[in-house]
Amino acid sequence: MSGWNEKAVPDQSGRIAVVTGSNSGLGYVVARELARKGARVVLACRSEVRGNAAADRIVAEVPGAIAEFARLDLGDLESVREFAASYRYDYLDLLVDNAGVMALPYGTTADGFETQFGVNHLGHFALTGLLMPTLLATPGARVVSVSSGMHAVANIDIDDLNSERRYRRWIAYARSKTANLLFVHELARRLAAHGADVVAAAAHPGYAATNLQGTAPRMEGRRLVGRVVELGNRVFAQSAEAGALPVLYAATAPDVRPDSFTGPSLMMWRGAPAPSWRAPWTLNDAAGERLWAASERLTGVTYDALKV
């Protein structure tokens, strides 16, 4: 992987990719670079205005690019179902579960789930499940879940998935990122058990400068914190373009293995894509099975084709 960059992305002509949260940051870069290599990209975003603007920007930056917006609010399961029902193609080569929120003040989704767990994990669990029949029908399809090195801060609490007993924003974020990895672990196991030609993998960007870090301070009107975050992004973080490389690698490199975790090479912080360390609890089969069962119950989305 040494020296791997966006120029190494294989030709994507004739392929379709759905990238959630692709109106800005990592998701935008991933969608743009996939389009640059010939993929038709569907920008699955909550805001119609920002999503359409991002699609227009990709077309302007990349001559011949094919990019379209489709509305998706991962904090509302009705919206997730509407997105899946309106998906108009009969194949799907790549689903990048990228969108997320980080360290927000306590809140709940439209369905009553704690926001970080609901958006970062449950929304993507439901989306992937609803699109699974199309993914299974596409030879060589791939699902990539964007997690974080912050997952190492906390394991999930299967008895308090929605942080109802006590809410600590960074612990809740870390648990949602652990959930992403457990989801990929269990999904890869089920795909293998059924002999499916679909690869499920995970990636993380390290410390990349995006608007993710500044959302909570803006919501709470904490200007000083927002300025500190902005300074940290300028001084310590790598660019969104560099942060997107592990995601692009996991999404397109031919040697990506099921349940792999790709991140920056230098201390999981920055650098070229490389195999990334992950906490041992993200490889626990029993935990993956329990989270899967809870997620099916909470979302009402069942992976019927992958029953074990």
Protein backbone atom coordinates (compact mmCIF):
# COMPACT_ATOMS: atom_id res chain seq x y z
CA MET A 1 0.00 0.00 0.00
CA SER A 2 3.04 2.28 0.34
CA GLY A 3 2.59 5.38 -1.78
CA TRP A 4 -0.96 4.46 -2.74
CA ASN A 5 -2.98 7.53 -3.74
CA GLU A 6 -6.11 8.48 -5.66
CA LYS A 7 -4.32 7.92 -8.98
CA ALA A 8 -4.14 4.22 -8.11
CA VAL A 9 -7.93 3.84 -7.96
CA PRO A 10 -8.82 1.24 -10.62
CA ASP A 11 -11.09 2.09 -13.52
CA GLN A 12 -14.69 2.32 -12.33
CA SER A 13 -16.42 2.64 -15.70
CA GLY A 14 -19.85 1.04 -15.74
CA ARG A 15 -19.99 0.78 -11.96
CA ILE A 16 -22.49 2.43 -9.61
CA ALA A 17 -21.54 3.72 -6.17
CA VAL A 18 -23.74 5.10 -3.40
CA VAL A 19 -21.84 7.31 -0.95
CA THR A 20 -23.67 8.58 2.12
CA GLY A 21 -22.85 12.00 3.52
CA SER A 22 -21.12 13.01 0.29
CA ASN A 23 -22.01 16.69 0.07
CA SER A 24 -18.78 17.65 1.90
CA GLY A 25 -15.63 16.35 3.56
CA LEU A 26 -14.46 12.79 3.11
CA GLY A 27 -17.64 11.66 1.42
CA TYR A 28 -17.38 14.37 -1.22
CA VAL A 29 -13.77 13.47 -2.00
CA VAL A 30 -14.61 9.76 -2.23
CA ALA A 31 -17.55 10.43 -4.56
CA ARG A 32 -15.51 12.82 -6.71
CA GLU A 33 -12.59 10.41 -7.13
CA LEU A 34 -14.89 7.50 -7.95
CA ALA A 35 -16.59 9.69 -10.57
CA ARG A 36 -13.17 10.70 -11.91
CA LYS A 37 -12.49 7.02 -12.57
CA GLY A 38 -15.78 6.56 -14.41
CA ALA A 39 -18.30 5.46 -11.77
CA ARG A 40 -21.84 6.75 -11.64
CA VAL A 41 -22.04 8.16 -8.13
CA VAL A 42 -25.20 8.66 -6.11
CA LEU A 43 -24.73 11.31 -3.45
CA ALA A 44 -26.98 10.17 -0.61
CA CYS A 45 -27.38 13.26 1.57
CA ARG A 46 -29.91 14.81 3.92
CA SER A 47 -29.97 18.30 2.39
CA GLU A 48 -31.31 18.61 -1.14
CA VAL A 49 -29.67 22.01 -1.59
CA ARG A 50 -26.22 20.88 -0.44
CA GLY A 51 -26.49 17.50 -2.17
CA ASN A 52 -27.40 18.96 -5.54
CA ALA A 53 -24.69 21.60 -5.16
CA ALA A 54 -22.12 18.87 -4.46
CA ALA A 55 -23.23 16.86 -7.50
CA ASP A 56 -22.97 19.99 -9.66
CA ARG A 57 -19.50 20.70 -8.25
CA ILE A 58 -18.29 17.19 -9.09
CA VAL A 59 -19.54 17.55 -12.66
CA ALA A 60 -17.79 20.92 -12.89
CA GLU A 61 -14.50 19.61 -11.47
CA VAL A 62 -14.46 16.32 -13.38
CA PRO A 63 -15.34 16.55 -17.08
CA GLY A 64 -17.69 13.74 -18.04
CA ALA A 65 -18.51 12.81 -14.45
CA ILE A 66 -21.90 11.28 -13.70
CA ALA A 67 -23.15 12.37 -10.30
CA GLU A 68 -26.66 12.59 -8.94
CA PHE A 69 -28.28 13.50 -5.65
CA ALA A 70 -30.75 11.33 -3.74
CA ARG A 71 -32.20 12.38 -0.42
CA LEU A 72 -31.30 10.27 2.61
CA ASP A 73 -31.71 11.15 6.28
CA LEU A 74 -30.03 8.43 8.31
CA GLY A 75 -31.71 9.76 11.44
CA ASP A 76 -35.14 8.85 10.08
CA LEU A 77 -35.86 5.23 9.16
CA GLU A 78 -38.77 6.29 6.97
CA SER A 79 -36.30 8.31 4.88
CA VAL A 80 -33.96 5.32 4.72
CA ARG A 81 -36.78 3.13 3.45
CA GLU A 82 -37.80 5.77 0.90
CA PHE A 83 -34.25 6.00 -0.40
CA ALA A 84 -33.96 2.24 -0.82
CA ALA A 85 -37.39 1.98 -2.45
CA SER A 86 -36.56 4.74 -4.92
CA TYR A 87 -33.14 3.35 -5.89
CA ARG A 88 -33.72 2.95 -9.62
CA TYR A 89 -30.88 0.74 -10.78
CA ASP A 90 -30.88 -3.04 -10.86
CA TYR A 91 -27.30 -3.34 -9.65
CA LEU A 92 -25.08 -1.67 -7.06
CA ASP A 93 -21.32 -2.20 -7.10
CA LEU A 94 -20.34 -0.16 -4.08
CA LEU A 95 -22.03 1.18 -0.96
CA VAL A 96 -19.91 3.51 1.17
CA ASP A 97 -21.50 4.00 4.59
CA ASN A 98 -19.68 7.24 5.30
CA ALA A 99 -22.07 9.76 6.86
CA GLY A 100 -21.81 10.39 10.56
CA VAL A 101 -22.06 12.76 13.49
CA MET A 102 -19.55 13.22 16.30
CA ALA A 103 -19.74 14.13 19.99
CA LEU A 104 -23.06 15.94 19.76
CA PRO A 105 -25.03 17.08 22.80
CA TYR A 106 -27.63 14.48 23.75
CA GLY A 107 -30.45 14.15 21.27
CA THR A 108 -32.60 11.54 19.58
CA THR A 109 -33.41 10.61 16.01
CA ALA A 110 -36.89 10.71 14.50
CA ASP A 111 -37.31 7.13 15.75
CA GLY A 112 -36.18 7.87 19.30
CA PHE A 113 -32.64 6.48 19.15
CA GLU A 114 -29.68 8.32 20.66
CA THR A 115 -28.45 10.43 17.74
CA GLN A 116 -24.91 9.11 17.35
CA PHE A 117 -25.89 5.46 17.63
CA GLY A 118 -28.97 6.05 15.49
CA VAL A 119 -27.23 7.87 12.64
CA ASN A 120 -23.77 6.30 12.67
CA HIS A 121 -24.88 2.70 13.13
CA LEU A 122 -28.61 2.00 12.93
CA GLY A 123 -29.26 4.19 9.89
CA HIS A 124 -26.49 2.50 7.95
CA PHE A 125 -27.48 -0.96 9.22
CA ALA A 126 -30.99 -0.37 7.85
CA LEU A 127 -29.75 1.13 4.58
CA THR A 128 -27.34 -1.72 3.90
CA GLY A 129 -29.99 -4.31 4.71
CA LEU A 130 -32.56 -2.74 2.42
CA LEU A 131 -30.03 -2.56 -0.43
CA MET A 132 -28.62 -6.04 0.24
CA PRO A 133 -30.73 -7.86 -2.38
CA THR A 134 -29.31 -5.51 -5.03
CA LEU A 135 -25.77 -5.88 -3.70
CA LEU A 136 -26.08 -9.67 -3.70
CA ALA A 137 -27.25 -9.56 -7.31
CA THR A 138 -24.13 -7.61 -8.34
CA PRO A 139 -20.97 -9.67 -8.92
CA GLY A 140 -18.04 -8.32 -6.93
CA ALA A 141 -20.06 -5.80 -4.95
CA ARG A 142 -18.55 -4.14 -1.91
CA VAL A 143 -19.76 -2.49 1.31
CA VAL A 144 -17.40 -0.13 3.11
CA SER A 145 -18.17 1.21 6.57
CA VAL A 146 -16.30 4.31 7.73
CA SER A 147 -15.34 3.91 11.38
CA SER A 148 -12.76 5.80 13.46
CA GLY A 149 -9.67 5.19 15.53
CA MET A 150 -11.80 6.59 18.34
CA HIS A 151 -13.61 3.25 18.49
CA ALA A 152 -10.79 2.15 20.83
CA VAL A 153 -12.12 4.44 23.56
CA ALA A 154 -15.16 2.29 24.32
CA ASN A 155 -16.86 -1.01 23.59
CA ILE A 156 -20.62 -1.06 23.06
CA ASP A 157 -22.92 -1.61 26.02
CA ILE A 158 -25.41 -4.10 24.63
CA ASP A 159 -27.75 -3.39 27.55
CA ASP A 160 -27.70 0.38 26.99
CA LEU A 161 -27.21 0.93 23.28
CA ASN A 162 -29.03 4.27 23.38
CA SER A 163 -27.09 5.66 26.37
CA GLU A 164 -30.28 5.97 28.42
CA ARG A 165 -28.54 5.33 31.75
CA ARG A 166 -25.83 7.92 31.25
CA TYR A 167 -24.83 10.01 28.25
CA ARG A 168 -21.21 10.95 27.67
CA ARG A 169 -20.81 12.35 24.19
CA TRP A 170 -17.34 10.98 23.41
CA ILE A 171 -18.12 7.57 24.84
CA ALA A 172 -21.31 7.47 22.79
CA TYR A 173 -19.34 8.39 19.68
CA ALA A 174 -16.72 5.72 20.35
CA ARG A 175 -19.42 3.12 20.89
CA SER A 176 -21.08 4.02 17.60
CA LYS A 177 -17.73 3.56 15.83
CA THR A 178 -17.22 0.21 17.57
CA ALA A 179 -20.69 -0.70 16.32
CA ASN A 180 -19.57 0.08 12.76
CA LEU A 181 -16.72 -2.41 13.08
CA LEU A 182 -18.84 -5.09 14.75
CA PHE A 183 -21.39 -4.65 11.97
CA VAL A 184 -18.75 -5.22 9.30
CA HIS A 185 -17.38 -8.20 11.23
CA GLU A 186 -20.78 -9.88 11.44
CA LEU A 187 -21.77 -8.92 7.90
CA ALA A 188 -18.54 -10.40 6.51
CA ARG A 189 -19.15 -13.59 8.50
CA ARG A 190 -22.67 -13.94 7.15
CA LEU A 191 -21.65 -13.18 3.57
CA ALA A 192 -18.95 -15.86 3.78
CA ALA A 193 -21.38 -18.38 5.25
CA HIS A 194 -23.66 -17.89 2.25
CA GLY A 195 -20.85 -17.87 -0.31
CA ALA A 196 -21.88 -14.39 -1.42
CA ASP A 197 -19.74 -12.47 -3.89
CA VAL A 198 -19.80 -9.33 -1.74
CA VAL A 199 -16.91 -7.95 0.32
CA ALA A 200 -17.64 -6.05 3.55
CA ALA A 201 -14.71 -3.98 4.82
CA ALA A 202 -14.05 -0.97 7.02
CA ALA A 203 -11.80 2.08 6.91
CA HIS A 204 -11.03 5.20 8.89
CA PRO A 205 -9.48 8.55 7.88
CA GLY A 206 -7.20 9.19 10.84
CA TYR A 207 -7.32 12.83 11.85
CA ALA A 208 -8.68 14.60 8.79
CA ALA A 209 -9.80 18.21 8.56
CA THR A 210 -13.53 18.18 7.87
CA ASN A 211 -16.58 19.96 9.25
CA LEU A 212 -17.37 16.94 11.44
CA GLN A 213 -15.34 18.21 14.38
CA GLY A 214 -16.92 21.67 14.40
CA THR A 215 -20.58 20.66 14.28
CA ALA A 216 -21.14 20.27 18.04
CA PRO A 217 -19.48 23.60 18.98
CA ARG A 218 -21.61 25.38 16.36
CA MET A 219 -24.78 23.73 17.65
CA GLU A 220 -24.02 24.86 21.19
CA GLY A 221 -22.73 28.31 20.32
CA ARG A 222 -19.30 27.55 21.80
CA ARG A 223 -17.24 29.90 19.65
CA LEU A 224 -13.98 29.48 21.53
CA VAL A 225 -14.14 25.69 21.26
CA GLY A 226 -14.97 26.05 17.60
CA ARG A 227 -11.89 28.20 17.05
CA VAL A 228 -9.68 25.69 18.89
CA VAL A 229 -11.07 22.90 16.70
CA GLU A 230 -10.43 24.96 13.59
CA LEU A 231 -6.85 25.62 14.69
CA GLY A 232 -6.32 21.92 15.42
CA ASN A 233 -7.55 21.05 11.94
CA ARG A 234 -5.14 23.52 10.39
CA VAL A 235 -2.08 22.51 12.42
CA PHE A 236 -2.41 18.79 13.11
CA ALA A 237 -4.92 17.26 10.72
CA GLN A 238 -4.33 15.96 7.26
CA SER A 239 -6.55 17.17 4.43
CA ALA A 240 -9.91 15.65 3.55
CA GLU A 241 -8.25 14.44 0.33
CA ALA A 242 -5.63 12.52 2.32
CA GLY A 243 -8.19 11.27 4.85
CA ALA A 244 -10.31 9.86 2.03
CA LEU A 245 -7.51 7.63 0.74
CA PRO A 246 -8.08 4.71 3.17
CA VAL A 247 -11.77 4.77 2.27
CA LEU A 248 -10.99 4.79 -1.45
CA TYR A 249 -8.54 1.93 -0.94
CA ALA A 250 -11.08 -0.16 0.95
CA ALA A 251 -13.67 0.65 -1.72
CA THR A 252 -11.64 -0.15 -4.82
CA ALA A 253 -8.33 -1.95 -4.26
CA PRO A 254 -8.46 -5.51 -5.65
CA ASP A 255 -6.67 -7.09 -2.66
CA VAL A 256 -9.07 -5.87 0.06
CA ARG A 257 -10.08 -8.76 2.29
CA PRO A 258 -13.43 -9.21 4.05
CA ASP A 259 -13.55 -7.62 7.51
CA SER A 260 -10.31 -5.73 6.92
CA PHE A 261 -9.75 -2.32 8.50
CA THR A 262 -7.74 0.25 6.55
CA GLY A 263 -6.41 3.52 7.91
CA PRO A 264 -3.46 5.91 7.67
CA SER A 265 -0.05 4.28 8.05
CA LEU A 266 1.51 6.70 10.54
CA MET A 267 0.18 5.88 14.02
CA MET A 268 -3.38 5.64 12.62
CA TRP A 269 -3.14 9.43 12.25
CA ARG A 270 -1.98 10.31 8.76
CA GLY A 271 -0.16 8.86 5.78
CA ALA A 272 -0.83 6.35 3.02
CA PRO A 273 -3.44 3.62 3.48
CA ALA A 274 -2.32 0.63 5.53
CA PRO A 275 -3.83 -2.18 7.61
CA SER A 276 -5.04 -0.58 10.83
CA TRP A 277 -5.06 -1.88 14.38
CA ARG A 278 -8.50 -2.45 15.86
CA ALA A 279 -9.68 -3.19 19.37
CA PRO A 280 -10.13 -6.92 20.01
CA TRP A 281 -13.76 -6.45 21.01
CA THR A 282 -14.56 -5.48 17.40
CA LEU A 283 -13.69 -9.05 16.37
CA ASN A 284 -15.89 -10.78 18.94
CA ASP A 285 -18.36 -13.09 17.20
CA ALA A 286 -20.82 -13.20 20.09
CA ALA A 287 -20.89 -9.40 20.39
CA GLY A 288 -21.40 -9.07 16.65
CA GLU A 289 -24.32 -11.49 16.73
CA ARG A 290 -25.96 -9.71 19.67
CA LEU A 291 -25.58 -6.28 18.09
CA TRP A 292 -26.96 -7.63 14.81
CA ALA A 293 -30.02 -9.09 16.53
CA ALA A 294 -30.62 -5.85 18.46
CA SER A 295 -30.21 -3.79 15.29
CA GLU A 296 -32.75 -5.89 13.40
CA ARG A 297 -35.19 -5.53 16.27
CA LEU A 298 -34.70 -1.77 16.62
CA THR A 299 -34.86 -0.94 12.91
CA GLY A 300 -37.31 -3.59 11.75
CA VAL A 301 -34.91 -4.38 8.88
CA THR A 302 -34.03 -8.07 8.59
CA TYR A 303 -31.34 -9.50 6.34
CA ASP A 304 -33.44 -12.43 5.19
CA ALA A 305 -30.95 -13.54 2.53
CA LEU A 306 -28.18 -13.78 5.13
CA LYS A 307 -29.89 -15.72 7.89
CA VAL A 308 -27.59 -18.01 9.85
